[in-house]
Amino acid sequence: MLKTAVFEINGMHCTSCALTIDMDLEETEGVKESNTSYARQKTEVTFDSDIIKPEKIIEIIQKTGYEASETD
């Protein structure tokens, strides 16, 4: 089932940081789209919840070098 979740990201310094997060997430199985905003310090991710869970998305963002948490 496709779902969309928003994650707050800390540690981005420029738009290249946002592009790096998008590329890493979109290469991940189950992630359909990632739209990261440096200005808002957030990313909106559309994913297949049967394949990947929000906790794994946070883990991927953290491996990229940023802090992340899911917002309500």
PDB file of N, CA and C in Angstrom:
ATOM      1  N   MET A   1       0.843  -1.168   0.000  1.00  0.00           N
ATOM      2  CA  MET A   1       0.000   0.000   0.000  1.00  0.00           C
ATOM      3  C   MET A   1       0.898   1.245   0.000  1.00  0.00           C
ATOM      4  N   LEU A   2       0.633   2.173  -0.901  1.00  0.00           N
ATOM      5  CA  LEU A   2       1.414   3.410  -0.953  1.00  0.00           C
ATOM      6  C   LEU A   2       0.989   4.360   0.156  1.00  0.00           C
ATOM      7  N   LYS A   3       1.994   4.907   0.829  1.00  0.00           N
ATOM      8  CA  LYS A   3       1.768   5.886   1.883  1.00  0.00           C
ATOM      9  C   LYS A   3       2.731   7.041   1.669  1.00  0.00           C
ATOM     10  N   THR A   4       2.397   8.178   2.261  1.00  0.00           N
ATOM     11  CA  THR A   4       3.278   9.341   2.240  1.00  0.00           C
ATOM     12  C   THR A   4       3.497   9.783   3.679  1.00  0.00           C
ATOM     13  N   ALA A   5       4.765  10.036   4.005  1.00  0.00           N
ATOM     14  CA  ALA A   5       5.116  10.497   5.347  1.00  0.00           C
ATOM     15  C   ALA A   5       6.090  11.669   5.214  1.00  0.00           C
ATOM     16  N   VAL A   6       6.044  12.548   6.206  1.00  0.00           N
ATOM     17  CA  VAL A   6       6.944  13.701   6.240  1.00  0.00           C
ATOM     18  C   VAL A   6       7.929  13.493   7.379  1.00  0.00           C
ATOM     19  N   PHE A   7       9.199  13.755   7.079  1.00  0.00           N
ATOM     20  CA  PHE A   7      10.263  13.600   8.057  1.00  0.00           C
ATOM     21  C   PHE A   7      10.991  14.926   8.221  1.00  0.00           C
ATOM     22  N   GLU A   8      11.221  15.321   9.466  1.00  0.00           N
ATOM     23  CA  GLU A   8      12.011  16.508   9.754  1.00  0.00           C
ATOM     24  C   GLU A   8      13.478  16.097   9.732  1.00  0.00           C
ATOM     25  N   ILE A   9      14.309  16.916   9.087  1.00  0.00           N
ATOM     26  CA  ILE A   9      15.726  16.592   8.950  1.00  0.00           C
ATOM     27  C   ILE A   9      16.559  17.714   9.544  1.00  0.00           C
ATOM     28  N   ASN A  10      17.529  17.348  10.367  1.00  0.00           N
ATOM     29  CA  ASN A  10      18.467  18.306  10.940  1.00  0.00           C
ATOM     30  C   ASN A  10      19.853  18.042  10.388  1.00  0.00           C
ATOM     31  N   GLY A  11      20.557  19.122  10.064  1.00  0.00           N
ATOM     32  CA  GLY A  11      21.938  18.989   9.627  1.00  0.00           C
ATOM     33  C   GLY A  11      22.184  19.309   8.170  1.00  0.00           C
ATOM     34  N   MET A  12      21.133  19.596   7.400  1.00  0.00           N
ATOM     35  CA  MET A  12      21.355  19.973   6.001  1.00  0.00           C
ATOM     36  C   MET A  12      21.940  21.383   5.954  1.00  0.00           C
ATOM     37  N   HIS A  13      22.952  21.562   5.089  1.00  0.00           N
ATOM     38  CA  HIS A  13      23.622  22.855   4.980  1.00  0.00           C
ATOM     39  C   HIS A  13      23.372  23.563   3.647  1.00  0.00           C
ATOM     40  N   CYS A  14      22.850  22.822   2.666  1.00  0.00           N
ATOM     41  CA  CYS A  14      22.642  23.421   1.346  1.00  0.00           C
ATOM     42  C   CYS A  14      21.693  22.544   0.528  1.00  0.00           C
ATOM     43  N   THR A  15      21.381  23.001  -0.664  1.00  0.00           N
ATOM     44  CA  THR A  15      20.469  22.241  -1.522  1.00  0.00           C
ATOM     45  C   THR A  15      21.092  20.931  -1.984  1.00  0.00           C
ATOM     46  N   SER A  16      22.413  20.863  -2.047  1.00  0.00           N
ATOM     47  CA  SER A  16      23.071  19.603  -2.413  1.00  0.00           C
ATOM     48  C   SER A  16      22.807  18.522  -1.373  1.00  0.00           C
ATOM     49  N   CYS A  17      22.703  18.926  -0.116  1.00  0.00           N
ATOM     50  CA  CYS A  17      22.357  17.975   0.949  1.00  0.00           C
ATOM     51  C   CYS A  17      20.988  17.363   0.663  1.00  0.00           C
ATOM     52  N   ALA A  18      20.040  18.198   0.279  1.00  0.00           N
ATOM     53  CA  ALA A  18      18.690  17.725  -0.026  1.00  0.00           C
ATOM     54  C   ALA A  18      18.706  16.761  -1.211  1.00  0.00           C
ATOM     55  N   LEU A  19      19.493  17.074  -2.231  1.00  0.00           N
ATOM     56  CA  LEU A  19      19.581  16.194  -3.399  1.00  0.00           C
ATOM     57  C   LEU A  19      20.193  14.849  -3.023  1.00  0.00           C
ATOM     58  N   THR A  20      21.186  14.860  -2.149  1.00  0.00           N
ATOM     59  CA  THR A  20      21.814  13.615  -1.702  1.00  0.00           C
ATOM     60  C   THR A  20      20.796  12.729  -0.999  1.00  0.00           C
ATOM     61  N   ILE A  21      19.993  13.318  -0.135  1.00  0.00           N
ATOM     62  CA  ILE A  21      18.957  12.550   0.575  1.00  0.00           C
ATOM     63  C   ILE A  21      17.962  11.963  -0.422  1.00  0.00           C
ATOM     64  N   ASP A  22      17.512  12.777  -1.366  1.00  0.00           N
ATOM     65  CA  ASP A  22      16.562  12.286  -2.376  1.00  0.00           C
ATOM     66  C   ASP A  22      17.146  11.119  -3.163  1.00  0.00           C
ATOM     67  N   MET A  23      18.397  11.254  -3.606  1.00  0.00           N
ATOM     68  CA  MET A  23      19.011  10.188  -4.398  1.00  0.00           C
ATOM     69  C   MET A  23      19.128   8.901  -3.592  1.00  0.00           C
ATOM     70  N   ASP A  24      19.586   9.007  -2.337  1.00  0.00           N
ATOM     71  CA  ASP A  24      19.735   7.814  -1.508  1.00  0.00           C
ATOM     72  C   ASP A  24      18.387   7.138  -1.251  1.00  0.00           C
ATOM     73  N   LEU A  25      17.368   7.928  -0.961  1.00  0.00           N
ATOM     74  CA  LEU A  25      16.052   7.344  -0.693  1.00  0.00           C
ATOM     75  C   LEU A  25      15.448   6.725  -1.950  1.00  0.00           C
ATOM     76  N   GLU A  26      15.547   7.422  -3.082  1.00  0.00           N
ATOM     77  CA  GLU A  26      14.910   6.939  -4.302  1.00  0.00           C
ATOM     78  C   GLU A  26      15.608   5.704  -4.873  1.00  0.00           C
ATOM     79  N   GLU A  27      16.835   5.412  -4.429  1.00  0.00           N
ATOM     80  CA  GLU A  27      17.524   4.188  -4.834  1.00  0.00           C
ATOM     81  C   GLU A  27      17.117   3.005  -3.956  1.00  0.00           C
ATOM     82  N   THR A  28      16.309   3.258  -2.938  1.00  0.00           N
ATOM     83  CA  THR A  28      15.916   2.235  -1.977  1.00  0.00           C
ATOM     84  C   THR A  28      14.645   1.527  -2.434  1.00  0.00           C
ATOM     85  N   GLU A  29      14.670   0.201  -2.382  1.00  0.00           N
ATOM     86  CA  GLU A  29      13.494  -0.578  -2.760  1.00  0.00           C
ATOM     87  C   GLU A  29      12.311  -0.197  -1.877  1.00  0.00           C
ATOM     88  N   GLY A  30      11.190   0.068  -2.500  1.00  0.00           N
ATOM     89  CA  GLY A  30       9.970   0.424  -1.778  1.00  0.00           C
ATOM     90  C   GLY A  30       9.707   1.913  -1.739  1.00  0.00           C
ATOM     91  N   VAL A  31      10.733   2.729  -1.971  1.00  0.00           N
ATOM     92  CA  VAL A  31      10.543   4.188  -1.995  1.00  0.00           C
ATOM     93  C   VAL A  31      10.195   4.585  -3.417  1.00  0.00           C
ATOM     94  N   LYS A  32       9.044   5.225  -3.568  1.00  0.00           N
ATOM     95  CA  LYS A  32       8.591   5.639  -4.903  1.00  0.00           C
ATOM     96  C   LYS A  32       9.059   7.054  -5.242  1.00  0.00           C
ATOM     97  N   GLU A  33       9.069   7.948  -4.232  1.00  0.00           N
ATOM     98  CA  GLU A  33       9.449   9.338  -4.479  1.00  0.00           C
ATOM     99  C   GLU A  33       9.885   9.983  -3.171  1.00  0.00           C
ATOM    100  N   SER A  34      10.891  10.845  -3.293  1.00  0.00           N
ATOM    101  CA  SER A  34      11.349  11.634  -2.153  1.00  0.00           C
ATOM    102  C   SER A  34      11.462  13.080  -2.613  1.00  0.00           C
ATOM    103  N   ASN A  35      10.893  13.980  -1.831  1.00  0.00           N
ATOM    104  CA  ASN A  35      10.932  15.400  -2.161  1.00  0.00           C
ATOM    105  C   ASN A  35      11.454  16.144  -0.928  1.00  0.00           C
ATOM    106  N   THR A  36      12.763  16.423  -0.932  1.00  0.00           N
ATOM    107  CA  THR A  36      13.415  17.035   0.215  1.00  0.00           C
ATOM    108  C   THR A  36      13.576  18.528  -0.013  1.00  0.00           C
ATOM    109  N   SER A  37      13.229  19.311   0.999  1.00  0.00           N
ATOM    110  CA  SER A  37      13.345  20.767   0.946  1.00  0.00           C
ATOM    111  C   SER A  37      14.388  21.235   1.958  1.00  0.00           C
ATOM    112  N   TYR A  38      15.474  21.810   1.438  1.00  0.00           N
ATOM    113  CA  TYR A  38      16.493  22.389   2.320  1.00  0.00           C
ATOM    114  C   TYR A  38      15.893  23.540   3.124  1.00  0.00           C
ATOM    115  N   ALA A  39      15.095  24.378   2.467  1.00  0.00           N
ATOM    116  CA  ALA A  39      14.519  25.560   3.126  1.00  0.00           C
ATOM    117  C   ALA A  39      13.607  25.168   4.292  1.00  0.00           C
ATOM    118  N   ARG A  40      12.842  24.098   4.118  1.00  0.00           N
ATOM    119  CA  ARG A  40      11.911  23.650   5.162  1.00  0.00           C
ATOM    120  C   ARG A  40      12.539  22.651   6.128  1.00  0.00           C
ATOM    121  N   GLN A  41      13.714  22.109   5.754  1.00  0.00           N
ATOM    122  CA  GLN A  41      14.396  21.085   6.556  1.00  0.00           C
ATOM    123  C   GLN A  41      13.508  19.856   6.753  1.00  0.00           C
ATOM    124  N   LYS A  42      12.808  19.489   5.663  1.00  0.00           N
ATOM    125  CA  LYS A  42      11.895  18.342   5.700  1.00  0.00           C
ATOM    126  C   LYS A  42      11.967  17.581   4.389  1.00  0.00           C
ATOM    127  N   THR A  43      11.553  16.328   4.455  1.00  0.00           N
ATOM    128  CA  THR A  43      11.386  15.542   3.245  1.00  0.00           C
ATOM    129  C   THR A  43      10.040  14.842   3.287  1.00  0.00           C
ATOM    130  N   GLU A  44       9.402  14.774   2.134  1.00  0.00           N
ATOM    131  CA  GLU A  44       8.136  14.060   1.989  1.00  0.00           C
ATOM    132  C   GLU A  44       8.425  12.823   1.147  1.00  0.00           C
ATOM    133  N   VAL A  45       8.137  11.666   1.700  1.00  0.00           N
ATOM    134  CA  VAL A  45       8.490  10.411   1.050  1.00  0.00           C
ATOM    135  C   VAL A  45       7.232   9.598   0.775  1.00  0.00           C
ATOM    136  N   THR A  46       7.080   9.159  -0.467  1.00  0.00           N
ATOM    137  CA  THR A  46       6.011   8.245  -0.847  1.00  0.00           C
ATOM    138  C   THR A  46       6.642   6.861  -0.968  1.00  0.00           C
ATOM    139  N   PHE A  47       6.063   5.897  -0.257  1.00  0.00           N
ATOM    140  CA  PHE A  47       6.679   4.574  -0.188  1.00  0.00           C
ATOM    141  C   PHE A  47       5.621   3.484  -0.099  1.00  0.00           C
ATOM    142  N   ASP A  48       6.040   2.274  -0.425  1.00  0.00           N
ATOM    143  CA  ASP A  48       5.174   1.100  -0.324  1.00  0.00           C
ATOM    144  C   ASP A  48       5.369   0.516   1.071  1.00  0.00           C
ATOM    145  N   SER A  49       4.362   0.651   1.914  1.00  0.00           N
ATOM    146  CA  SER A  49       4.477   0.224   3.310  1.00  0.00           C
ATOM    147  C   SER A  49       4.549  -1.298   3.463  1.00  0.00           C
ATOM    148  N   ASP A  50       4.282  -2.035   2.387  1.00  0.00           N
ATOM    149  CA  ASP A  50       4.450  -3.490   2.434  1.00  0.00           C
ATOM    150  C   ASP A  50       5.923  -3.878   2.265  1.00  0.00           C
ATOM    151  N   ILE A  51       6.726  -2.941   1.748  1.00  0.00           N
ATOM    152  CA  ILE A  51       8.140  -3.219   1.479  1.00  0.00           C
ATOM    153  C   ILE A  51       9.063  -2.525   2.478  1.00  0.00           C
ATOM    154  N   ILE A  52       8.752  -1.283   2.843  1.00  0.00           N
ATOM    155  CA  ILE A  52       9.633  -0.505   3.709  1.00  0.00           C
ATOM    156  C   ILE A  52       8.805   0.244   4.757  1.00  0.00           C
ATOM    157  N   LYS A  53       9.359   0.388   5.923  1.00  0.00           N
ATOM    158  CA  LYS A  53       8.692   1.064   7.045  1.00  0.00           C
ATOM    159  C   LYS A  53       9.367   2.413   7.308  1.00  0.00           C
ATOM    160  N   PRO A  54       8.647   3.348   7.930  1.00  0.00           N
ATOM    161  CA  PRO A  54       9.223   4.666   8.233  1.00  0.00           C
ATOM    162  C   PRO A  54      10.530   4.587   9.034  1.00  0.00           C
ATOM    163  N   GLU A  55      10.652   3.620   9.913  1.00  0.00           N
ATOM    164  CA  GLU A  55      11.877   3.474  10.702  1.00  0.00           C
ATOM    165  C   GLU A  55      13.093   3.224   9.808  1.00  0.00           C
ATOM    166  N   LYS A  56      12.907   2.462   8.750  1.00  0.00           N
ATOM    167  CA  LYS A  56      13.990   2.184   7.806  1.00  0.00           C
ATOM    168  C   LYS A  56      14.340   3.441   7.011  1.00  0.00           C
ATOM    169  N   ILE A  57      13.336   4.240   6.669  1.00  0.00           N
ATOM    170  CA  ILE A  57      13.590   5.500   5.958  1.00  0.00           C
ATOM    171  C   ILE A  57      14.434   6.415   6.841  1.00  0.00           C
ATOM    172  N   ILE A  58      14.109   6.494   8.120  1.00  0.00           N
ATOM    173  CA  ILE A  58      14.889   7.305   9.055  1.00  0.00           C
ATOM    174  C   ILE A  58      16.327   6.784   9.118  1.00  0.00           C
ATOM    175  N   GLU A  59      16.482   5.483   9.163  1.00  0.00           N
ATOM    176  CA  GLU A  59      17.812   4.871   9.219  1.00  0.00           C
ATOM    177  C   GLU A  59      18.639   5.247   7.983  1.00  0.00           C
ATOM    178  N   ILE A  60      18.020   5.238   6.819  1.00  0.00           N
ATOM    179  CA  ILE A  60      18.724   5.599   5.584  1.00  0.00           C
ATOM    180  C   ILE A  60      19.160   7.062   5.632  1.00  0.00           C
ATOM    181  N   ILE A  61      18.279   7.940   6.071  1.00  0.00           N
ATOM    182  CA  ILE A  61      18.625   9.358   6.192  1.00  0.00           C
ATOM    183  C   ILE A  61      19.786   9.531   7.171  1.00  0.00           C
ATOM    184  N   GLN A  62      19.753   8.816   8.285  1.00  0.00           N
ATOM    185  CA  GLN A  62      20.822   8.914   9.279  1.00  0.00           C
ATOM    186  C   GLN A  62      22.147   8.402   8.721  1.00  0.00           C
ATOM    187  N   LYS A  63      22.116   7.346   7.912  1.00  0.00           N
ATOM    188  CA  LYS A  63      23.339   6.830   7.290  1.00  0.00           C
ATOM    189  C   LYS A  63      23.931   7.833   6.304  1.00  0.00           C
ATOM    190  N   THR A  64      23.077   8.707   5.771  1.00  0.00           N
ATOM    191  CA  THR A  64      23.534   9.756   4.866  1.00  0.00           C
ATOM    192  C   THR A  64      24.233  10.871   5.641  1.00  0.00           C
ATOM    193  N   GLY A  65      24.023  10.904   6.967  1.00  0.00           N
ATOM    194  CA  GLY A  65      24.728  11.865   7.812  1.00  0.00           C
ATOM    195  C   GLY A  65      23.856  12.929   8.453  1.00  0.00           C
ATOM    196  N   TYR A  66      22.549  12.707   8.459  1.00  0.00           N
ATOM    197  CA  TYR A  66      21.623  13.701   8.995  1.00  0.00           C
ATOM    198  C   TYR A  66      20.738  13.075  10.068  1.00  0.00           C
ATOM    199  N   GLU A  67      20.236  13.898  10.954  1.00  0.00           N
ATOM    200  CA  GLU A  67      19.267  13.445  11.948  1.00  0.00           C
ATOM    201  C   GLU A  67      17.874  13.555  11.331  1.00  0.00           C
ATOM    202  N   ALA A  68      17.019  12.591  11.645  1.00  0.00           N
ATOM    203  CA  ALA A  68      15.670  12.601  11.064  1.00  0.00           C
ATOM    204  C   ALA A  68      14.656  12.060  12.060  1.00  0.00           C
ATOM    205  N   SER A  69      13.445  12.573  11.949  1.00  0.00           N
ATOM    206  CA  SER A  69      12.329  12.065  12.736  1.00  0.00           C
ATOM    207  C   SER A  69      11.052  12.260  11.942  1.00  0.00           C
ATOM    208  N   GLU A  70      10.105  11.343  12.125  1.00  0.00           N
ATOM    209  CA  GLU A  70       8.829  11.435  11.428  1.00  0.00           C
ATOM    210  C   GLU A  70       7.968  12.488  12.114  1.00  0.00           C
ATOM    211  N   THR A  71       7.291  13.322  11.321  1.00  0.00           N
ATOM    212  CA  THR A  71       6.390  14.330  11.869  1.00  0.00           C
ATOM    213  C   THR A  71       4.963  13.821  11.787  1.00  0.00           C
ATOM    214  N   ASP A  72       4.084  14.411  12.554  1.00  0.00           N
ATOM    215  CA  ASP A  72       2.672  14.016  12.548  1.00  0.00           C
ATOM    216  C   ASP A  72       1.928  14.637  11.400  1.00  0.00           C
TER     217      ASP A  72
END
